[in-house]
Amino acid sequence: MLVAVRAEVESVDRWREGFKTHGDLFTKQKISIAYLGATDNNKVIAVVDTSDLDEFMRIFNDPATAKAMQHDGITGGVEMFVLDDSFKP
């Protein structure tokens, strides 16, 4: 299952570096890969592939995740999207 998380950050570079230090947390969320992207105005997105959406959500809502986001310089505007549909033209 693909999940996208969009957020506003203080610094894209700080976020990218910090994001990559949370391997243990992502392993618990059953994430096999994460794709990262950013805009010029400090908005970022991570699209992750998880094999267990319930576990992903449980850990995403855990205080440890909030602490990790704070460490990475996330300032607010966090949105999550579960990619549950597709279209192939």
C-alpha atoms as a PDB file:
ATOM      1  CA  MET A   1       0.000   0.000   0.000  1.00  0.00           C
ATOM      2  CA  LEU A   2       1.352   3.411  -0.942  1.00  0.00           C
ATOM      3  CA  VAL A   3       1.006   6.308   1.484  1.00  0.00           C
ATOM      4  CA  ALA A   4       1.995   9.917   0.808  1.00  0.00           C
ATOM      5  CA  VAL A   5       2.795  12.370   3.595  1.00  0.00           C
ATOM      6  CA  ARG A   6       3.125  16.060   2.737  1.00  0.00           C
ATOM      7  CA  ALA A   7       4.500  18.643   5.144  1.00  0.00           C
ATOM      8  CA  GLU A   8       6.030  22.079   5.510  1.00  0.00           C
ATOM      9  CA  VAL A   9       9.611  22.195   6.807  1.00  0.00           C
ATOM     10  CA  GLU A  10      12.158  24.722   8.003  1.00  0.00           C
ATOM     11  CA  SER A  11      14.778  23.414   5.578  1.00  0.00           C
ATOM     12  CA  VAL A  12      14.510  20.776   2.845  1.00  0.00           C
ATOM     13  CA  ASP A  13      18.134  19.719   3.399  1.00  0.00           C
ATOM     14  CA  ARG A  14      17.571  19.278   7.152  1.00  0.00           C
ATOM     15  CA  TRP A  15      14.419  17.264   6.469  1.00  0.00           C
ATOM     16  CA  ARG A  16      16.095  14.974   3.915  1.00  0.00           C
ATOM     17  CA  GLU A  17      19.044  14.286   6.222  1.00  0.00           C
ATOM     18  CA  GLY A  18      16.844  13.753   9.287  1.00  0.00           C
ATOM     19  CA  PHE A  19      14.341  11.555   7.434  1.00  0.00           C
ATOM     20  CA  LYS A  20      17.083   9.099   6.556  1.00  0.00           C
ATOM     21  CA  THR A  21      18.030   8.608  10.234  1.00  0.00           C
ATOM     22  CA  HIS A  22      14.699   6.989  11.164  1.00  0.00           C
ATOM     23  CA  GLY A  23      15.263   3.551   9.640  1.00  0.00           C
ATOM     24  CA  ASP A  24      14.213   1.725  12.813  1.00  0.00           C
ATOM     25  CA  LEU A  25      10.926   3.616  12.961  1.00  0.00           C
ATOM     26  CA  PHE A  26      10.216   2.963   9.280  1.00  0.00           C
ATOM     27  CA  THR A  27      11.026  -0.736   9.667  1.00  0.00           C
ATOM     28  CA  LYS A  28       8.411  -0.957  12.430  1.00  0.00           C
ATOM     29  CA  GLN A  29       5.934   0.669  10.030  1.00  0.00           C
ATOM     30  CA  LYS A  30       6.668  -2.125   7.519  1.00  0.00           C
ATOM     31  CA  ILE A  31       8.003   0.392   4.984  1.00  0.00           C
ATOM     32  CA  SER A  32      10.069  -1.166   2.200  1.00  0.00           C
ATOM     33  CA  ILE A  33      10.948   2.040   0.298  1.00  0.00           C
ATOM     34  CA  ALA A  34      10.393   5.790   0.543  1.00  0.00           C
ATOM     35  CA  TYR A  35      10.415   8.295  -2.306  1.00  0.00           C
ATOM     36  CA  LEU A  36      11.207  11.900  -1.325  1.00  0.00           C
ATOM     37  CA  GLY A  37      10.421  15.153  -3.100  1.00  0.00           C
ATOM     38  CA  ALA A  38      10.395  18.868  -2.354  1.00  0.00           C
ATOM     39  CA  THR A  39       9.370  22.255  -3.713  1.00  0.00           C
ATOM     40  CA  ASP A  40      11.327  25.493  -3.640  1.00  0.00           C
ATOM     41  CA  ASN A  41       9.118  26.857  -0.852  1.00  0.00           C
ATOM     42  CA  ASN A  42       9.983  24.197   1.774  1.00  0.00           C
ATOM     43  CA  LYS A  43       7.106  21.837   1.129  1.00  0.00           C
ATOM     44  CA  VAL A  44       8.071  18.178   1.066  1.00  0.00           C
ATOM     45  CA  ILE A  45       6.495  14.837   0.312  1.00  0.00           C
ATOM     46  CA  ALA A  46       7.393  11.273   1.184  1.00  0.00           C
ATOM     47  CA  VAL A  47       5.651   8.443  -0.637  1.00  0.00           C
ATOM     48  CA  VAL A  48       6.203   5.155   1.156  1.00  0.00           C
ATOM     49  CA  ASP A  49       5.310   1.562   0.419  1.00  0.00           C
ATOM     50  CA  THR A  50       4.050  -0.297   3.489  1.00  0.00           C
ATOM     51  CA  SER A  51       2.958  -3.906   3.744  1.00  0.00           C
ATOM     52  CA  ASP A  52       0.808  -3.211   6.832  1.00  0.00           C
ATOM     53  CA  LEU A  53      -1.323  -0.070   6.692  1.00  0.00           C
ATOM     54  CA  ASP A  54      -2.759  -0.597  10.195  1.00  0.00           C
ATOM     55  CA  GLU A  55       0.717  -0.801  11.729  1.00  0.00           C
ATOM     56  CA  PHE A  56       1.858   2.171   9.669  1.00  0.00           C
ATOM     57  CA  MET A  57      -1.049   4.248  10.991  1.00  0.00           C
ATOM     58  CA  ARG A  58      -0.548   3.102  14.598  1.00  0.00           C
ATOM     59  CA  ILE A  59       3.095   4.149  14.575  1.00  0.00           C
ATOM     60  CA  PHE A  60       2.426   7.319  12.567  1.00  0.00           C
ATOM     61  CA  ASN A  61       0.144   8.454  15.416  1.00  0.00           C
ATOM     62  CA  ASP A  62       2.658   7.490  18.123  1.00  0.00           C
ATOM     63  CA  PRO A  63       4.542  10.210  20.052  1.00  0.00           C
ATOM     64  CA  ALA A  64       7.832   8.794  18.705  1.00  0.00           C
ATOM     65  CA  THR A  65       6.798   9.842  15.199  1.00  0.00           C
ATOM     66  CA  ALA A  66       5.910  13.348  16.374  1.00  0.00           C
ATOM     67  CA  LYS A  67       9.348  13.571  17.982  1.00  0.00           C
ATOM     68  CA  ALA A  68      11.016  12.391  14.759  1.00  0.00           C
ATOM     69  CA  MET A  69       9.098  15.002  12.744  1.00  0.00           C
ATOM     70  CA  GLN A  70      10.152  17.719  15.162  1.00  0.00           C
ATOM     71  CA  HIS A  71      13.779  16.558  14.856  1.00  0.00           C
ATOM     72  CA  ASP A  72      13.507  16.832  11.063  1.00  0.00           C
ATOM     73  CA  GLY A  73      12.259  20.424  11.186  1.00  0.00           C
ATOM     74  CA  ILE A  74       8.638  19.849  10.207  1.00  0.00           C
ATOM     75  CA  THR A  75       6.809  23.050  11.063  1.00  0.00           C
ATOM     76  CA  GLY A  76       3.220  22.142  10.270  1.00  0.00           C
ATOM     77  CA  GLY A  77       0.750  21.497   7.540  1.00  0.00           C
ATOM     78  CA  VAL A  78       1.148  17.695   7.673  1.00  0.00           C
ATOM     79  CA  GLU A  79      -1.236  15.841   5.362  1.00  0.00           C
ATOM     80  CA  MET A  80      -1.504  12.113   4.701  1.00  0.00           C
ATOM     81  CA  PHE A  81      -2.953  10.389   1.649  1.00  0.00           C
ATOM     82  CA  VAL A  82      -3.532   6.654   1.279  1.00  0.00           C
ATOM     83  CA  LEU A  83      -3.125   5.902  -2.425  1.00  0.00           C
ATOM     84  CA  ASP A  84      -5.972   3.417  -2.772  1.00  0.00           C
ATOM     85  CA  ASP A  85      -6.869   3.854  -6.432  1.00  0.00           C
ATOM     86  CA  SER A  86      -5.061   3.952  -9.744  1.00  0.00           C
ATOM     87  CA  PHE A  87      -5.666   4.680 -13.381  1.00  0.00           C
ATOM     88  CA  LYS A  88      -3.679   3.390 -16.328  1.00  0.00           C
ATOM     89  CA  PRO A  89      -4.392   5.313 -19.553  1.00  0.00           C
END
